[in-house]
Amino acid sequence: MLFLLFHIENDRYVIDVRQVAEVLPLLDVKHIPLMPPGVAGAFSYRGKPVPVVDLNELTYGRPAAKRLSTRLVLVYYSAQAGSNHLLGLIAEKATELVRHGADRFTEPGVSNRETPYLGPVVADEAGLIQWIDPQRILPGTVTEKLFAQLEEPTTHSGARHDA
């Protein structure tokens, strides 16, 4: 299988490239007030808003470093009720593809309910690499907040309506 390799802090992680729609340079993200930790905001992709999660902040509480190798990885995300969307993931050093057989990955021996997106691991000459499941990154309540407006029919005419 082919994977996109990236870093969170000093550790290496992969995402199955079949789940990746596109890898973009790090773009400016519109911050959304009162979002849960790890939700960086949203950006416009081909005229549509796409929510963005900073994997570094989600996992370690610190935003990803703004480097040339920090990328915005667009993944296919299935929200509640089976609707499909794009989700942006800010990932450091996301510039390399690697091949590993899915059968070579094994359970890491430790798990954490707070990080259900962290999956099995595989070892190579540089150490362990952990497989991330983008479908498990967001808890249901966060998914509802991020995608609720996208689920509703658009009726906004551009005029402001005050109650």
Protein backbone atom coordinates (compact mmCIF):
# COMPACT_ATOMS: atom_id res chain seq x y z
CA MET A 1 0.00 0.00 0.00
CA LEU A 2 1.08 3.56 -0.63
CA PHE A 3 1.03 6.05 2.26
CA LEU A 4 1.68 9.76 2.75
CA LEU A 5 4.33 10.08 5.46
CA PHE A 6 4.32 13.10 7.80
CA HIS A 7 5.35 14.12 11.30
CA ILE A 8 3.56 15.15 14.45
CA GLU A 9 6.29 16.56 16.68
CA ASN A 10 9.19 14.10 16.29
CA ASP A 11 7.09 11.04 15.51
CA ARG A 12 6.22 9.68 12.08
CA TYR A 13 2.72 8.90 10.88
CA VAL A 14 1.05 7.80 7.66
CA ILE A 15 -2.30 8.13 5.93
CA ASP A 16 -3.40 5.76 3.18
CA VAL A 17 -3.16 7.79 -0.05
CA ARG A 18 -6.54 6.44 -1.17
CA GLN A 19 -8.04 8.67 1.53
CA VAL A 20 -6.16 11.75 0.28
CA ALA A 21 -7.85 14.06 -2.22
CA GLU A 22 -4.98 16.53 -2.56
CA VAL A 23 -1.88 17.82 -0.78
CA LEU A 24 -1.60 21.62 -0.76
CA PRO A 25 0.98 24.04 0.59
CA LEU A 26 0.04 25.42 4.00
CA LEU A 27 -2.58 28.10 3.38
CA ASP A 28 -4.08 30.80 5.57
CA VAL A 29 -6.98 29.42 7.57
CA LYS A 30 -9.91 31.47 8.83
CA HIS A 31 -10.05 30.88 12.58
CA ILE A 32 -13.48 30.08 13.99
CA PRO A 33 -14.07 31.21 17.58
CA LEU A 34 -14.92 28.68 20.30
CA MET A 35 -13.98 25.60 18.31
CA PRO A 36 -12.62 22.54 20.16
CA PRO A 37 -8.84 22.10 20.51
CA GLY A 38 -7.20 21.03 17.28
CA VAL A 39 -9.76 22.67 15.00
CA ALA A 40 -7.71 25.32 13.22
CA GLY A 41 -10.62 26.82 11.28
CA ALA A 42 -11.64 26.67 7.63
CA PHE A 43 -10.50 27.73 4.18
CA SER A 44 -12.12 28.04 0.78
CA TYR A 45 -11.37 25.23 -1.65
CA ARG A 46 -12.85 25.61 -5.12
CA GLY A 47 -15.45 27.97 -3.71
CA LYS A 48 -16.54 25.76 -0.81
CA PRO A 49 -15.57 26.00 2.86
CA VAL A 50 -13.44 23.14 4.17
CA PRO A 51 -12.84 22.66 7.92
CA VAL A 52 -9.22 22.25 8.98
CA VAL A 53 -7.71 20.27 11.86
CA ASP A 54 -4.14 20.87 13.02
CA LEU A 55 -2.85 17.38 13.83
CA ASN A 56 -0.05 18.77 16.00
CA GLU A 57 -2.43 20.84 18.09
CA LEU A 58 -4.98 18.03 18.28
CA THR A 59 -2.39 15.55 19.51
CA TYR A 60 0.03 17.66 21.57
CA GLY A 61 -1.75 20.96 22.20
CA ARG A 62 0.75 23.00 20.12
CA PRO A 63 0.14 24.27 16.58
CA ALA A 64 2.21 22.83 13.74
CA ALA A 65 5.35 24.72 12.83
CA LYS A 66 4.99 26.90 9.73
CA ARG A 67 7.66 25.39 7.49
CA LEU A 68 7.94 24.86 3.76
CA SER A 69 7.30 21.15 4.39
CA THR A 70 4.13 21.74 6.44
CA ARG A 71 1.19 20.86 4.22
CA LEU A 72 -2.57 21.04 4.16
CA VAL A 73 -3.68 17.50 3.38
CA LEU A 74 -7.23 17.23 2.06
CA VAL A 75 -8.82 13.93 2.99
CA TYR A 76 -12.17 12.41 2.18
CA TYR A 77 -14.31 12.47 5.31
CA SER A 78 -17.64 10.75 5.90
CA ALA A 79 -19.72 12.79 8.34
CA GLN A 80 -22.81 11.69 10.23
CA ALA A 81 -25.74 10.45 8.13
CA GLY A 82 -23.34 9.21 5.44
CA SER A 83 -22.60 12.59 3.85
CA ASN A 84 -19.13 12.97 2.35
CA HIS A 85 -16.94 16.04 2.67
CA LEU A 86 -13.37 17.18 2.46
CA LEU A 87 -11.45 17.74 5.68
CA GLY A 88 -8.14 19.61 5.80
CA LEU A 89 -5.35 18.26 7.99
CA ILE A 90 -2.33 20.40 8.81
CA ALA A 91 0.65 18.03 8.86
CA GLU A 92 4.37 18.75 9.25
CA LYS A 93 6.98 17.32 6.87
CA ALA A 94 4.27 15.87 4.61
CA THR A 95 6.48 15.53 1.56
CA GLU A 96 7.18 11.83 1.19
CA LEU A 97 5.38 8.70 0.06
CA VAL A 98 6.22 5.27 1.48
CA ARG A 99 5.10 1.72 0.74
CA HIS A 100 4.21 -0.83 3.40
CA GLY A 101 2.04 -3.90 3.32
CA ALA A 102 -1.09 -3.44 5.43
CA ASP A 103 -0.34 -6.86 6.96
CA ARG A 104 2.97 -5.56 8.33
CA PHE A 105 1.20 -3.14 10.69
CA THR A 106 0.57 -4.41 14.22
CA GLU A 107 -1.24 -3.05 17.23
CA PRO A 108 0.99 -0.62 19.17
CA GLY A 109 0.39 -2.27 22.55
CA VAL A 110 -1.01 0.93 24.06
CA SER A 111 -4.18 2.82 23.31
CA ASN A 112 -5.77 6.04 24.43
CA ARG A 113 -9.48 6.83 24.21
CA GLU A 114 -8.56 10.46 23.57
CA THR A 115 -6.75 9.54 20.33
CA PRO A 116 -8.91 6.92 18.58
CA TYR A 117 -7.46 8.00 15.22
CA LEU A 118 -4.06 6.49 16.07
CA GLY A 119 -3.91 3.01 14.62
CA PRO A 120 -1.39 0.21 14.18
CA VAL A 121 2.36 0.65 13.76
CA VAL A 122 5.08 -0.65 11.51
CA ALA A 123 8.85 -0.56 12.10
CA ASP A 124 11.48 0.45 9.58
CA GLU A 125 15.17 1.38 9.82
CA ALA A 126 14.29 4.77 11.39
CA GLY A 127 11.85 3.44 14.01
CA LEU A 128 8.07 3.17 14.32
CA ILE A 129 5.49 4.69 11.98
CA GLN A 130 1.87 4.91 13.10
CA TRP A 131 -1.13 4.70 10.78
CA ILE A 132 -3.75 7.44 11.24
CA ASP A 133 -7.39 6.91 10.35
CA PRO A 134 -8.83 10.28 9.23
CA GLN A 135 -12.37 8.94 9.76
CA ARG A 136 -11.71 8.75 13.51
CA ILE A 137 -10.08 12.16 13.99
CA LEU A 138 -13.23 14.06 14.94
CA PRO A 139 -15.68 13.06 17.67
CA GLY A 140 -19.34 13.13 16.57
CA THR A 141 -20.07 16.38 18.39
CA VAL A 142 -17.22 18.15 16.59
CA THR A 143 -18.29 16.69 13.25
CA GLU A 144 -21.76 18.10 13.82
CA LYS A 145 -20.35 21.58 14.53
CA LEU A 146 -18.02 21.59 11.54
CA PHE A 147 -20.34 20.17 8.93
CA ALA A 148 -23.79 21.28 10.15
CA GLN A 149 -23.93 24.32 7.88
CA LEU A 150 -22.77 22.26 4.92
CA GLU A 151 -25.64 19.83 5.44
CA GLU A 152 -28.29 22.56 5.36
CA PRO A 153 -29.64 23.83 2.04
CA THR A 154 -28.17 27.19 1.12
CA THR A 155 -30.80 29.92 1.16
CA HIS A 156 -28.57 32.87 1.96
CA SER A 157 -29.12 35.65 -0.54
CA GLY A 158 -26.21 37.74 0.64
CA ALA A 159 -28.38 40.16 2.59
CA ARG A 160 -28.09 40.32 6.34
CA HIS A 161 -31.14 39.25 8.30
CA ASP A 162 -31.47 40.48 11.88
CA ALA A 163 -33.93 38.90 14.29
